[in-house]
């Protein structure tokens, strides 16, 4: 047994990917659409699978996502909830929101997903408590604001997740004049010390934080 982490080389990634996080045809087509029309900032298939598993393991039936893009991560989570679940996902860009609605429809998930188009900090106050899980993947400088809303919206025992908490390793060096780095550092400090949360970070993709609401 070793306490040293194993580096995930391209060869190891190529071995693991088809075994544990394969993309079906719809997810592959969605990723290609993003490559053609949108920014390449969606979660990886590895993280998508993990998000789906966390939804399943927590028994989540109401999920909140901040940062829809074209719906890639939303498809993973909505599928994991099953037909009894519902995903509320918030997207700032009208173009991205419309693309996401199209992809949720193609995935057969339109009846269990609501895409809220608008600034997250205007949409979140209008939502009602009782969510089982919240996932943040939007403006990093606003992560602490999203957390304030999630602590009202997510039930005790529920999960609060956030992507990009490593921010390419830049969080270790300090914020300087970068609002996104400062936002993530502030968020990491909050979830590590807030007595209402029990938190850890999983080194998948660019870092996924997982917090349990006490």
C-alpha atoms as a PDB file:
ATOM      1  CA  UNK A   1       0.000   0.000   0.000  1.00  0.00           C
ATOM      2  CA  UNK A   2       1.230   3.498  -0.816  1.00  0.00           C
ATOM      3  CA  UNK A   3       0.222   7.001   0.241  1.00  0.00           C
ATOM      4  CA  UNK A   4       1.603   8.426  -3.022  1.00  0.00           C
ATOM      5  CA  UNK A   5      -0.987   9.282  -5.657  1.00  0.00           C
ATOM      6  CA  UNK A   6      -0.603   7.632  -9.053  1.00  0.00           C
ATOM      7  CA  UNK A   7      -0.325  10.038 -11.967  1.00  0.00           C
ATOM      8  CA  UNK A   8      -3.039   9.446 -14.550  1.00  0.00           C
ATOM      9  CA  UNK A   9      -1.029   9.212 -17.754  1.00  0.00           C
ATOM     10  CA  UNK A  10      -2.640   9.377 -21.220  1.00  0.00           C
ATOM     11  CA  UNK A  11      -2.147   5.619 -21.475  1.00  0.00           C
ATOM     12  CA  UNK A  12      -3.913   4.988 -18.162  1.00  0.00           C
ATOM     13  CA  UNK A  13      -6.697   7.399 -19.175  1.00  0.00           C
ATOM     14  CA  UNK A  14      -7.154   5.537 -22.473  1.00  0.00           C
ATOM     15  CA  UNK A  15      -7.421   2.238 -20.592  1.00  0.00           C
ATOM     16  CA  UNK A  16      -9.897   3.486 -17.986  1.00  0.00           C
ATOM     17  CA  UNK A  17     -12.201   5.639 -20.120  1.00  0.00           C
ATOM     18  CA  UNK A  18     -14.019   2.904 -22.076  1.00  0.00           C
ATOM     19  CA  UNK A  19     -14.386   0.812 -18.930  1.00  0.00           C
ATOM     20  CA  UNK A  20     -15.747   3.360 -16.474  1.00  0.00           C
ATOM     21  CA  UNK A  21     -16.945   6.518 -18.240  1.00  0.00           C
ATOM     22  CA  UNK A  22     -17.936   5.762 -21.825  1.00  0.00           C
ATOM     23  CA  UNK A  23     -20.076   8.338 -23.629  1.00  0.00           C
ATOM     24  CA  UNK A  24     -23.079   7.105 -25.570  1.00  0.00           C
ATOM     25  CA  UNK A  25     -23.885   8.507 -29.017  1.00  0.00           C
ATOM     26  CA  UNK A  26     -25.944  11.419 -27.687  1.00  0.00           C
ATOM     27  CA  UNK A  27     -23.193  12.602 -25.339  1.00  0.00           C
ATOM     28  CA  UNK A  28     -20.630  12.270 -28.127  1.00  0.00           C
ATOM     29  CA  UNK A  29     -22.804  14.334 -30.467  1.00  0.00           C
ATOM     30  CA  UNK A  30     -23.412  16.925 -27.737  1.00  0.00           C
ATOM     31  CA  UNK A  31     -19.644  17.223 -27.188  1.00  0.00           C
ATOM     32  CA  UNK A  32     -19.102  17.655 -30.933  1.00  0.00           C
ATOM     33  CA  UNK A  33     -21.761  20.379 -31.021  1.00  0.00           C
ATOM     34  CA  UNK A  34     -19.951  22.163 -28.213  1.00  0.00           C
ATOM     35  CA  UNK A  35     -16.680  21.884 -30.125  1.00  0.00           C
ATOM     36  CA  UNK A  36     -18.325  23.550 -33.127  1.00  0.00           C
ATOM     37  CA  UNK A  37     -20.512  26.190 -31.473  1.00  0.00           C
ATOM     38  CA  UNK A  38     -19.510  26.697 -27.848  1.00  0.00           C
ATOM     39  CA  UNK A  39     -16.616  27.064 -25.434  1.00  0.00           C
ATOM     40  CA  UNK A  40     -14.761  23.896 -24.426  1.00  0.00           C
ATOM     41  CA  UNK A  41     -15.461  24.225 -20.713  1.00  0.00           C
ATOM     42  CA  UNK A  42     -17.840  21.333 -20.043  1.00  0.00           C
ATOM     43  CA  UNK A  43     -16.963  18.691 -17.461  1.00  0.00           C
ATOM     44  CA  UNK A  44     -15.115  15.602 -18.639  1.00  0.00           C
ATOM     45  CA  UNK A  45     -16.843  12.262 -19.133  1.00  0.00           C
ATOM     46  CA  UNK A  46     -15.011  11.075 -16.014  1.00  0.00           C
ATOM     47  CA  UNK A  47     -16.539  13.871 -13.959  1.00  0.00           C
ATOM     48  CA  UNK A  48     -19.917  13.435 -15.614  1.00  0.00           C
ATOM     49  CA  UNK A  49     -19.992   9.817 -14.492  1.00  0.00           C
ATOM     50  CA  UNK A  50     -19.010  10.878 -10.972  1.00  0.00           C
ATOM     51  CA  UNK A  51     -21.770  13.505 -10.867  1.00  0.00           C
ATOM     52  CA  UNK A  52     -24.285  10.878 -11.936  1.00  0.00           C
ATOM     53  CA  UNK A  53     -23.053   8.472  -9.279  1.00  0.00           C
ATOM     54  CA  UNK A  54     -23.280  11.137  -6.564  1.00  0.00           C
ATOM     55  CA  UNK A  55     -26.865  11.816  -7.632  1.00  0.00           C
ATOM     56  CA  UNK A  56     -27.615   8.095  -7.400  1.00  0.00           C
ATOM     57  CA  UNK A  57     -25.804   7.537  -4.103  1.00  0.00           C
ATOM     58  CA  UNK A  58     -27.537  10.490  -2.458  1.00  0.00           C
ATOM     59  CA  UNK A  59     -30.953   9.415  -3.751  1.00  0.00           C
ATOM     60  CA  UNK A  60     -31.400  12.918  -5.173  1.00  0.00           C
ATOM     61  CA  UNK A  61     -34.767  13.727  -6.734  1.00  0.00           C
ATOM     62  CA  UNK A  62     -34.403  17.522  -6.874  1.00  0.00           C
ATOM     63  CA  UNK A  63     -31.117  18.798  -8.282  1.00  0.00           C
ATOM     64  CA  UNK A  64     -29.947  22.371  -8.847  1.00  0.00           C
ATOM     65  CA  UNK A  65     -27.209  23.208 -11.337  1.00  0.00           C
ATOM     66  CA  UNK A  66     -25.630  26.641 -11.765  1.00  0.00           C
ATOM     67  CA  UNK A  67     -24.000  26.794 -15.200  1.00  0.00           C
ATOM     68  CA  UNK A  68     -25.780  24.757 -17.879  1.00  0.00           C
ATOM     69  CA  UNK A  69     -23.716  25.466 -21.002  1.00  0.00           C
ATOM     70  CA  UNK A  70     -25.163  23.016 -23.601  1.00  0.00           C
ATOM     71  CA  UNK A  71     -26.422  20.555 -20.985  1.00  0.00           C
ATOM     72  CA  UNK A  72     -23.607  17.991 -20.929  1.00  0.00           C
ATOM     73  CA  UNK A  73     -23.331  17.668 -17.139  1.00  0.00           C
ATOM     74  CA  UNK A  74     -27.093  18.092 -16.847  1.00  0.00           C
ATOM     75  CA  UNK A  75     -27.696  15.030 -19.034  1.00  0.00           C
ATOM     76  CA  UNK A  76     -25.472  12.906 -16.787  1.00  0.00           C
ATOM     77  CA  UNK A  77     -27.317  14.063 -13.650  1.00  0.00           C
ATOM     78  CA  UNK A  78     -30.866  14.010 -15.031  1.00  0.00           C
ATOM     79  CA  UNK A  79     -30.396  10.475 -16.317  1.00  0.00           C
ATOM     80  CA  UNK A  80     -29.153   9.381 -12.886  1.00  0.00           C
ATOM     81  CA  UNK A  81     -32.251  10.799 -11.167  1.00  0.00           C
ATOM     82  CA  UNK A  82     -34.644   8.754 -13.243  1.00  0.00           C
ATOM     83  CA  UNK A  83     -38.168   9.783 -14.321  1.00  0.00           C
ATOM     84  CA  UNK A  84     -39.229  10.814 -10.793  1.00  0.00           C
ATOM     85  CA  UNK A  85     -36.497  13.455 -10.505  1.00  0.00           C
ATOM     86  CA  UNK A  86     -36.246  17.045 -11.667  1.00  0.00           C
ATOM     87  CA  UNK A  87     -33.254  19.214 -12.549  1.00  0.00           C
ATOM     88  CA  UNK A  88     -33.358  23.008 -12.344  1.00  0.00           C
ATOM     89  CA  UNK A  89     -30.389  24.376 -14.251  1.00  0.00           C
ATOM     90  CA  UNK A  90     -29.411  28.042 -14.547  1.00  0.00           C
ATOM     91  CA  UNK A  91     -27.657  29.490 -17.611  1.00  0.00           C
ATOM     92  CA  UNK A  92     -26.677  33.117 -18.189  1.00  0.00           C
ATOM     93  CA  UNK A  93     -26.330  32.971 -21.994  1.00  0.00           C
ATOM     94  CA  UNK A  94     -29.581  32.855 -24.006  1.00  0.00           C
ATOM     95  CA  UNK A  95     -27.747  31.072 -26.844  1.00  0.00           C
ATOM     96  CA  UNK A  96     -26.415  28.375 -24.539  1.00  0.00           C
ATOM     97  CA  UNK A  97     -29.768  28.011 -22.762  1.00  0.00           C
ATOM     98  CA  UNK A  98     -31.562  27.433 -26.064  1.00  0.00           C
ATOM     99  CA  UNK A  99     -28.942  24.892 -27.150  1.00  0.00           C
ATOM    100  CA  UNK A 100     -29.321  23.076 -23.822  1.00  0.00           C
ATOM    101  CA  UNK A 101     -33.105  22.890 -24.178  1.00  0.00           C
ATOM    102  CA  UNK A 102     -32.605  21.281 -27.566  1.00  0.00           C
ATOM    103  CA  UNK A 103     -30.182  18.700 -26.216  1.00  0.00           C
ATOM    104  CA  UNK A 104     -32.356  17.849 -23.217  1.00  0.00           C
ATOM    105  CA  UNK A 105     -35.222  17.308 -25.647  1.00  0.00           C
ATOM    106  CA  UNK A 106     -33.104  15.061 -27.874  1.00  0.00           C
ATOM    107  CA  UNK A 107     -32.056  13.103 -24.781  1.00  0.00           C
ATOM    108  CA  UNK A 108     -35.704  12.515 -23.839  1.00  0.00           C
ATOM    109  CA  UNK A 109     -35.257  14.573 -20.667  1.00  0.00           C
ATOM    110  CA  UNK A 110     -37.282  17.694 -21.452  1.00  0.00           C
ATOM    111  CA  UNK A 111     -40.029  16.730 -19.004  1.00  0.00           C
ATOM    112  CA  UNK A 112     -37.607  16.443 -16.084  1.00  0.00           C
ATOM    113  CA  UNK A 113     -35.392  19.506 -16.724  1.00  0.00           C
ATOM    114  CA  UNK A 114     -36.157  23.217 -16.429  1.00  0.00           C
ATOM    115  CA  UNK A 115     -33.591  25.596 -17.940  1.00  0.00           C
ATOM    116  CA  UNK A 116     -33.729  28.981 -16.207  1.00  0.00           C
ATOM    117  CA  UNK A 117     -32.096  31.611 -18.420  1.00  0.00           C
ATOM    118  CA  UNK A 118     -30.647  34.630 -16.642  1.00  0.00           C
ATOM    119  CA  UNK A 119     -27.978  35.732 -14.166  1.00  0.00           C
ATOM    120  CA  UNK A 120     -27.658  33.112 -11.440  1.00  0.00           C
ATOM    121  CA  UNK A 121     -27.814  35.665  -8.639  1.00  0.00           C
ATOM    122  CA  UNK A 122     -31.188  36.825  -9.959  1.00  0.00           C
ATOM    123  CA  UNK A 123     -32.603  33.325 -10.515  1.00  0.00           C
ATOM    124  CA  UNK A 124     -31.473  31.662  -7.270  1.00  0.00           C
ATOM    125  CA  UNK A 125     -33.507  33.903  -4.918  1.00  0.00           C
ATOM    126  CA  UNK A 126     -36.670  32.824  -6.764  1.00  0.00           C
ATOM    127  CA  UNK A 127     -36.133  29.100  -6.150  1.00  0.00           C
ATOM    128  CA  UNK A 128     -37.638  27.217  -3.230  1.00  0.00           C
ATOM    129  CA  UNK A 129     -35.883  25.044  -0.651  1.00  0.00           C
ATOM    130  CA  UNK A 130     -35.908  21.257  -0.701  1.00  0.00           C
ATOM    131  CA  UNK A 131     -33.117  20.379  -3.155  1.00  0.00           C
ATOM    132  CA  UNK A 132     -31.134  17.226  -2.548  1.00  0.00           C
ATOM    133  CA  UNK A 133     -28.026  18.307  -4.447  1.00  0.00           C
ATOM    134  CA  UNK A 134     -26.564  21.494  -5.936  1.00  0.00           C
ATOM    135  CA  UNK A 135     -23.717  21.705  -8.454  1.00  0.00           C
ATOM    136  CA  UNK A 136     -21.814  24.897  -9.326  1.00  0.00           C
ATOM    137  CA  UNK A 137     -19.943  25.325 -12.606  1.00  0.00           C
ATOM    138  CA  UNK A 138     -20.353  28.983 -13.514  1.00  0.00           C
ATOM    139  CA  UNK A 139     -18.702  32.313 -12.607  1.00  0.00           C
ATOM    140  CA  UNK A 140     -15.939  31.415 -10.153  1.00  0.00           C
ATOM    141  CA  UNK A 141     -15.944  34.870  -8.574  1.00  0.00           C
ATOM    142  CA  UNK A 142     -19.575  34.221  -7.517  1.00  0.00           C
ATOM    143  CA  UNK A 143     -19.080  30.791  -5.919  1.00  0.00           C
ATOM    144  CA  UNK A 144     -19.457  32.091  -2.358  1.00  0.00           C
ATOM    145  CA  UNK A 145     -22.712  33.809  -3.354  1.00  0.00           C
ATOM    146  CA  UNK A 146     -23.985  30.557  -4.851  1.00  0.00           C
ATOM    147  CA  UNK A 147     -23.057  28.832  -1.592  1.00  0.00           C
ATOM    148  CA  UNK A 148     -25.102  31.290   0.445  1.00  0.00           C
ATOM    149  CA  UNK A 149     -28.155  30.428  -1.653  1.00  0.00           C
ATOM    150  CA  UNK A 150     -27.427  26.686  -1.610  1.00  0.00           C
ATOM    151  CA  UNK A 151     -27.298  26.644   2.179  1.00  0.00           C
ATOM    152  CA  UNK A 152     -30.895  27.872   2.102  1.00  0.00           C
ATOM    153  CA  UNK A 153     -31.990  25.628  -0.759  1.00  0.00           C
ATOM    154  CA  UNK A 154     -30.343  22.245  -0.046  1.00  0.00           C
ATOM    155  CA  UNK A 155     -31.804  20.039   2.681  1.00  0.00           C
ATOM    156  CA  UNK A 156     -29.776  18.701   5.628  1.00  0.00           C
ATOM    157  CA  UNK A 157     -27.956  15.601   4.437  1.00  0.00           C
ATOM    158  CA  UNK A 158     -27.892  16.912   0.882  1.00  0.00           C
ATOM    159  CA  UNK A 159     -24.803  17.617  -1.217  1.00  0.00           C
ATOM    160  CA  UNK A 160     -23.235  20.817  -2.528  1.00  0.00           C
ATOM    161  CA  UNK A 161     -20.694  20.269  -5.315  1.00  0.00           C
ATOM    162  CA  UNK A 162     -18.434  22.728  -7.136  1.00  0.00           C
ATOM    163  CA  UNK A 163     -16.238  22.273 -10.198  1.00  0.00           C
ATOM    164  CA  UNK A 164     -12.819  23.827 -10.933  1.00  0.00           C
ATOM    165  CA  UNK A 165     -11.762  24.208  -7.304  1.00  0.00           C
ATOM    166  CA  UNK A 166      -8.123  23.648  -8.376  1.00  0.00           C
ATOM    167  CA  UNK A 167      -8.372  26.274 -11.170  1.00  0.00           C
ATOM    168  CA  UNK A 168      -5.380  24.773 -12.937  1.00  0.00           C
ATOM    169  CA  UNK A 169      -3.346  24.816  -9.724  1.00  0.00           C
ATOM    170  CA  UNK A 170      -3.438  28.599  -9.512  1.00  0.00           C
ATOM    171  CA  UNK A 171      -5.369  28.578  -6.226  1.00  0.00           C
ATOM    172  CA  UNK A 172      -2.242  27.386  -4.420  1.00  0.00           C
ATOM    173  CA  UNK A 173      -0.304  30.546  -5.288  1.00  0.00           C
ATOM    174  CA  UNK A 174      -2.840  33.101  -4.074  1.00  0.00           C
ATOM    175  CA  UNK A 175      -5.392  35.311  -5.733  1.00  0.00           C
ATOM    176  CA  UNK A 176      -3.469  38.415  -6.688  1.00  0.00           C
ATOM    177  CA  UNK A 177      -5.595  40.453  -9.053  1.00  0.00           C
ATOM    178  CA  UNK A 178      -7.493  37.487 -10.501  1.00  0.00           C
ATOM    179  CA  UNK A 179     -11.125  37.590  -9.332  1.00  0.00           C
ATOM    180  CA  UNK A 180     -11.734  33.959 -10.287  1.00  0.00           C
ATOM    181  CA  UNK A 181      -8.752  32.694  -8.291  1.00  0.00           C
ATOM    182  CA  UNK A 182      -9.799  34.784  -5.302  1.00  0.00           C
ATOM    183  CA  UNK A 183     -13.366  33.547  -5.653  1.00  0.00           C
ATOM    184  CA  UNK A 184     -12.344  29.899  -5.606  1.00  0.00           C
ATOM    185  CA  UNK A 185      -9.876  30.392  -2.741  1.00  0.00           C
ATOM    186  CA  UNK A 186     -12.601  32.115  -0.724  1.00  0.00           C
ATOM    187  CA  UNK A 187     -15.027  29.310  -1.604  1.00  0.00           C
ATOM    188  CA  UNK A 188     -12.570  26.578  -0.589  1.00  0.00           C
ATOM    189  CA  UNK A 189     -11.932  28.353   2.719  1.00  0.00           C
ATOM    190  CA  UNK A 190     -15.667  28.687   3.333  1.00  0.00           C
ATOM    191  CA  UNK A 191     -16.565  25.053   2.751  1.00  0.00           C
ATOM    192  CA  UNK A 192     -13.555  23.886   4.779  1.00  0.00           C
ATOM    193  CA  UNK A 193     -14.530  25.892   7.858  1.00  0.00           C
ATOM    194  CA  UNK A 194     -18.301  26.422   7.768  1.00  0.00           C
ATOM    195  CA  UNK A 195     -19.777  24.423  10.688  1.00  0.00           C
ATOM    196  CA  UNK A 196     -22.853  23.674   8.595  1.00  0.00           C
ATOM    197  CA  UNK A 197     -20.795  21.615   6.137  1.00  0.00           C
ATOM    198  CA  UNK A 198     -18.509  18.605   6.022  1.00  0.00           C
ATOM    199  CA  UNK A 199     -16.333  18.939   2.926  1.00  0.00           C
ATOM    200  CA  UNK A 200     -13.572  17.369   0.887  1.00  0.00           C
ATOM    201  CA  UNK A 201     -12.092  17.741  -2.579  1.00  0.00           C
ATOM    202  CA  UNK A 202     -11.845  14.972  -5.177  1.00  0.00           C
ATOM    203  CA  UNK A 203      -8.932  15.304  -7.647  1.00  0.00           C
ATOM    204  CA  UNK A 204     -10.989  14.625 -10.763  1.00  0.00           C
ATOM    205  CA  UNK A 205     -10.724  16.961 -13.736  1.00  0.00           C
ATOM    206  CA  UNK A 206      -9.902  20.434 -12.391  1.00  0.00           C
ATOM    207  CA  UNK A 207     -10.992  19.469  -8.869  1.00  0.00           C
ATOM    208  CA  UNK A 208     -14.504  18.742  -7.595  1.00  0.00           C
ATOM    209  CA  UNK A 209     -15.467  19.787  -4.070  1.00  0.00           C
ATOM    210  CA  UNK A 210     -18.082  17.726  -2.239  1.00  0.00           C
ATOM    211  CA  UNK A 211     -19.841  19.150   0.816  1.00  0.00           C
ATOM    212  CA  UNK A 212     -22.499  17.467   2.941  1.00  0.00           C
ATOM    213  CA  UNK A 213     -25.003  19.806   4.566  1.00  0.00           C
ATOM    214  CA  UNK A 214     -25.227  18.951   8.267  1.00  0.00           C
END
